[in-house]
Amino acid sequence: MRIVVDTNVIVSALVFGGLPRRIFELVEGGYCELFYAAEIQEETRRVLRDKFGWDEDRLDRYLRTLWSLGKRVVLRHRVNAVREDPDDNRILECALAADADVIVSGDRHLLKLGAYEGITILTPRDFLKAHF
């Protein structure tokens, strides 16, 4: 199963653990494939630095390990499905570029869509319940 994980879930996994971290344990165990884009990497780094005070050393150490679990894709097509928060469209664009099956997100704008172009959008809890 090919998945894209939204920035808020990535940050939650790294800062708080819990169900979001379980998703990355499944990726590490080979139960699903993680895909991400440079835009997700940049946003993750910015949020961890600006909102949680992570220094560059910590960012490099944790994020290098995290990104090594997945595959980076290049966004090919712009979409405008989330008008309330245009940055959320990068997640959709990443999922399209990755030919993903599922987007795992805690973002209400994305979750409200339910699916996009055949790609299911689920909370971490619903993803784990439905697939594991």
C-alpha atoms as a PDB file:
ATOM      1  CA  MET A   1       0.000   0.000   0.000  1.00  0.00           C
ATOM      2  CA  ARG A   2       1.349   3.386  -1.039  1.00  0.00           C
ATOM      3  CA  ILE A   3       0.777   6.212   1.446  1.00  0.00           C
ATOM      4  CA  VAL A   4       1.409   9.925   1.799  1.00  0.00           C
ATOM      5  CA  VAL A   5       1.429  11.290   5.341  1.00  0.00           C
ATOM      6  CA  ASP A   6       0.458  14.897   5.987  1.00  0.00           C
ATOM      7  CA  THR A   7       2.843  17.191   7.832  1.00  0.00           C
ATOM      8  CA  ASN A   8       0.664  17.353  10.955  1.00  0.00           C
ATOM      9  CA  VAL A   9       0.815  13.569  11.321  1.00  0.00           C
ATOM     10  CA  ILE A  10       4.585  13.526  10.751  1.00  0.00           C
ATOM     11  CA  VAL A  11       5.088  16.203  13.404  1.00  0.00           C
ATOM     12  CA  SER A  12       2.779  14.391  15.830  1.00  0.00           C
ATOM     13  CA  ALA A  13       4.708  11.153  15.318  1.00  0.00           C
ATOM     14  CA  LEU A  14       8.027  12.839  16.057  1.00  0.00           C
ATOM     15  CA  VAL A  15       6.895  15.023  18.953  1.00  0.00           C
ATOM     16  CA  PHE A  16       4.167  13.017  20.675  1.00  0.00           C
ATOM     17  CA  GLY A  17       4.345   9.424  19.380  1.00  0.00           C
ATOM     18  CA  GLY A  18       1.079   7.515  19.694  1.00  0.00           C
ATOM     19  CA  LEU A  19      -0.905   6.403  16.654  1.00  0.00           C
ATOM     20  CA  PRO A  20       1.011   8.631  14.225  1.00  0.00           C
ATOM     21  CA  ARG A  21       4.266   6.964  15.278  1.00  0.00           C
ATOM     22  CA  ARG A  22       2.655   3.543  14.745  1.00  0.00           C
ATOM     23  CA  ILE A  23       2.184   4.438  11.075  1.00  0.00           C
ATOM     24  CA  PHE A  24       5.921   4.971  10.674  1.00  0.00           C
ATOM     25  CA  GLU A  25       6.622   1.699  12.471  1.00  0.00           C
ATOM     26  CA  LEU A  26       4.466  -0.016   9.839  1.00  0.00           C
ATOM     27  CA  VAL A  27       6.397   1.750   7.079  1.00  0.00           C
ATOM     28  CA  GLU A  28       9.675   0.662   8.665  1.00  0.00           C
ATOM     29  CA  GLY A  29       8.349  -2.908   8.885  1.00  0.00           C
ATOM     30  CA  GLY A  30       7.577  -2.925   5.157  1.00  0.00           C
ATOM     31  CA  TYR A  31       3.784  -3.078   5.556  1.00  0.00           C
ATOM     32  CA  CYS A  32       3.292   0.056   3.467  1.00  0.00           C
ATOM     33  CA  GLU A  33       5.378   2.421   1.338  1.00  0.00           C
ATOM     34  CA  LEU A  34       5.825   6.068   2.309  1.00  0.00           C
ATOM     35  CA  PHE A  35       6.076   8.809  -0.299  1.00  0.00           C
ATOM     36  CA  TYR A  36       6.829  12.487   0.243  1.00  0.00           C
ATOM     37  CA  ALA A  37       7.816  15.599  -1.684  1.00  0.00           C
ATOM     38  CA  ALA A  38      10.324  18.378  -1.027  1.00  0.00           C
ATOM     39  CA  GLU A  39       7.424  20.629  -0.065  1.00  0.00           C
ATOM     40  CA  ILE A  40       6.426  18.247   2.739  1.00  0.00           C
ATOM     41  CA  GLN A  41      10.035  18.002   3.893  1.00  0.00           C
ATOM     42  CA  GLU A  42      10.355  21.800   4.041  1.00  0.00           C
ATOM     43  CA  GLU A  43       7.079  22.290   5.894  1.00  0.00           C
ATOM     44  CA  THR A  44       7.941  19.563   8.412  1.00  0.00           C
ATOM     45  CA  ARG A  45      11.332  21.119   9.117  1.00  0.00           C
ATOM     46  CA  ARG A  46       9.802  24.595   9.488  1.00  0.00           C
ATOM     47  CA  VAL A  47       7.066  23.452  11.896  1.00  0.00           C
ATOM     48  CA  LEU A  48       9.458  21.464  14.099  1.00  0.00           C
ATOM     49  CA  ARG A  49      11.903  24.394  14.206  1.00  0.00           C
ATOM     50  CA  ASP A  50       9.431  27.273  14.627  1.00  0.00           C
ATOM     51  CA  LYS A  51       6.664  25.714  16.733  1.00  0.00           C
ATOM     52  CA  PHE A  52       8.601  23.149  18.742  1.00  0.00           C
ATOM     53  CA  GLY A  53      12.026  24.780  18.981  1.00  0.00           C
ATOM     54  CA  TRP A  54      14.029  21.955  17.450  1.00  0.00           C
ATOM     55  CA  ASP A  55      17.600  22.964  16.621  1.00  0.00           C
ATOM     56  CA  GLU A  56      19.311  22.094  13.335  1.00  0.00           C
ATOM     57  CA  ASP A  57      21.224  19.168  14.847  1.00  0.00           C
ATOM     58  CA  ARG A  58      18.058  17.511  16.106  1.00  0.00           C
ATOM     59  CA  LEU A  59      16.203  18.274  12.880  1.00  0.00           C
ATOM     60  CA  ASP A  60      18.955  16.724  10.767  1.00  0.00           C
ATOM     61  CA  ARG A  61      19.226  13.622  12.948  1.00  0.00           C
ATOM     62  CA  TYR A  62      15.510  12.820  13.154  1.00  0.00           C
ATOM     63  CA  LEU A  63      14.483  13.893   9.674  1.00  0.00           C
ATOM     64  CA  ARG A  64      17.323  12.050   7.943  1.00  0.00           C
ATOM     65  CA  THR A  65      16.078   8.836   9.559  1.00  0.00           C
ATOM     66  CA  LEU A  66      12.449   9.594   8.786  1.00  0.00           C
ATOM     67  CA  TRP A  67      12.974  10.404   5.101  1.00  0.00           C
ATOM     68  CA  SER A  68      15.179   7.334   4.666  1.00  0.00           C
ATOM     69  CA  LEU A  69      12.030   5.247   5.254  1.00  0.00           C
ATOM     70  CA  GLY A  70      10.306   6.562   2.137  1.00  0.00           C
ATOM     71  CA  LYS A  71      10.711   7.707  -1.422  1.00  0.00           C
ATOM     72  CA  ARG A  72      10.711  11.290  -2.621  1.00  0.00           C
ATOM     73  CA  VAL A  73       8.562  12.248  -5.581  1.00  0.00           C
ATOM     74  CA  VAL A  74       8.472  15.417  -7.656  1.00  0.00           C
ATOM     75  CA  LEU A  75       5.158  17.229  -7.872  1.00  0.00           C
ATOM     76  CA  ARG A  76       4.027  17.233 -11.492  1.00  0.00           C
ATOM     77  CA  HIS A  77       0.564  18.757 -11.515  1.00  0.00           C
ATOM     78  CA  ARG A  78      -0.892  21.620  -9.525  1.00  0.00           C
ATOM     79  CA  VAL A  79      -4.346  21.126  -8.052  1.00  0.00           C
ATOM     80  CA  ASN A  80      -6.733  23.551  -6.411  1.00  0.00           C
ATOM     81  CA  ALA A  81      -9.079  21.252  -4.527  1.00  0.00           C
ATOM     82  CA  VAL A  82      -8.611  22.892  -1.103  1.00  0.00           C
ATOM     83  CA  ARG A  83      -9.387  26.561  -1.492  1.00  0.00           C
ATOM     84  CA  GLU A  84      -9.624  27.261   2.278  1.00  0.00           C
ATOM     85  CA  ASP A  85      -5.961  26.303   2.781  1.00  0.00           C
ATOM     86  CA  PRO A  86      -4.049  26.161  -0.533  1.00  0.00           C
ATOM     87  CA  ASP A  87      -0.954  24.633   1.135  1.00  0.00           C
ATOM     88  CA  ASP A  88      -2.999  21.455   1.667  1.00  0.00           C
ATOM     89  CA  ASN A  89      -3.043  21.004  -2.100  1.00  0.00           C
ATOM     90  CA  ARG A  90       0.651  20.017  -1.937  1.00  0.00           C
ATOM     91  CA  ILE A  91      -0.372  16.858  -0.082  1.00  0.00           C
ATOM     92  CA  LEU A  92      -2.840  15.994  -2.840  1.00  0.00           C
ATOM     93  CA  GLU A  93      -0.227  16.748  -5.483  1.00  0.00           C
ATOM     94  CA  CYS A  94       2.252  14.479  -3.719  1.00  0.00           C
ATOM     95  CA  ALA A  95      -0.295  11.672  -3.524  1.00  0.00           C
ATOM     96  CA  LEU A  96      -1.015  11.998  -7.248  1.00  0.00           C
ATOM     97  CA  ALA A  97       2.692  11.972  -8.120  1.00  0.00           C
ATOM     98  CA  ALA A  98       3.214   8.906  -5.907  1.00  0.00           C
ATOM     99  CA  ASP A  99       0.168   7.086  -7.258  1.00  0.00           C
ATOM    100  CA  ALA A 100      -0.776   6.691  -3.586  1.00  0.00           C
ATOM    101  CA  ASP A 101      -3.625   4.593  -2.253  1.00  0.00           C
ATOM    102  CA  VAL A 102      -4.126   6.585   0.957  1.00  0.00           C
ATOM    103  CA  ILE A 103      -3.380   9.998   2.436  1.00  0.00           C
ATOM    104  CA  VAL A 104      -3.073   9.922   6.229  1.00  0.00           C
ATOM    105  CA  SER A 105      -3.978  13.306   7.677  1.00  0.00           C
ATOM    106  CA  GLY A 106      -5.372  15.103  10.673  1.00  0.00           C
ATOM    107  CA  ASP A 107      -6.179  18.181   8.611  1.00  0.00           C
ATOM    108  CA  ARG A 108      -9.889  18.986   8.561  1.00  0.00           C
ATOM    109  CA  HIS A 109      -9.777  20.455   5.045  1.00  0.00           C
ATOM    110  CA  LEU A 110      -8.320  17.268   3.594  1.00  0.00           C
ATOM    111  CA  LEU A 111     -10.466  14.973   5.727  1.00  0.00           C
ATOM    112  CA  LYS A 112     -13.567  16.825   4.556  1.00  0.00           C
ATOM    113  CA  LEU A 113     -12.762  15.695   1.002  1.00  0.00           C
ATOM    114  CA  GLY A 114     -12.850  12.029   2.072  1.00  0.00           C
ATOM    115  CA  ALA A 115     -11.057  11.062  -1.136  1.00  0.00           C
ATOM    116  CA  TYR A 116      -9.395  12.737  -4.090  1.00  0.00           C
ATOM    117  CA  GLU A 117      -8.966  11.197  -7.545  1.00  0.00           C
ATOM    118  CA  GLY A 118      -9.523   7.743  -6.045  1.00  0.00           C
ATOM    119  CA  ILE A 119      -7.081   8.304  -3.166  1.00  0.00           C
ATOM    120  CA  THR A 120      -8.715   7.746   0.232  1.00  0.00           C
ATOM    121  CA  ILE A 121      -8.039  10.342   2.946  1.00  0.00           C
ATOM    122  CA  LEU A 122      -8.080   8.979   6.511  1.00  0.00           C
ATOM    123  CA  THR A 123      -7.113  10.009  10.026  1.00  0.00           C
ATOM    124  CA  PRO A 124      -4.295   7.973  11.586  1.00  0.00           C
ATOM    125  CA  ARG A 125      -6.837   6.113  13.733  1.00  0.00           C
ATOM    126  CA  ASP A 126      -9.087   5.273  10.777  1.00  0.00           C
ATOM    127  CA  PHE A 127      -6.105   4.264   8.636  1.00  0.00           C
ATOM    128  CA  LEU A 128      -4.846   1.843  11.282  1.00  0.00           C
ATOM    129  CA  LYS A 129      -8.337   0.488  11.929  1.00  0.00           C
ATOM    130  CA  ALA A 130      -9.095  -0.040   8.237  1.00  0.00           C
ATOM    131  CA  HIS A 131      -5.768  -1.524   7.161  1.00  0.00           C
ATOM    132  CA  PHE A 132      -4.011  -2.941  10.223  1.00  0.00           C
END
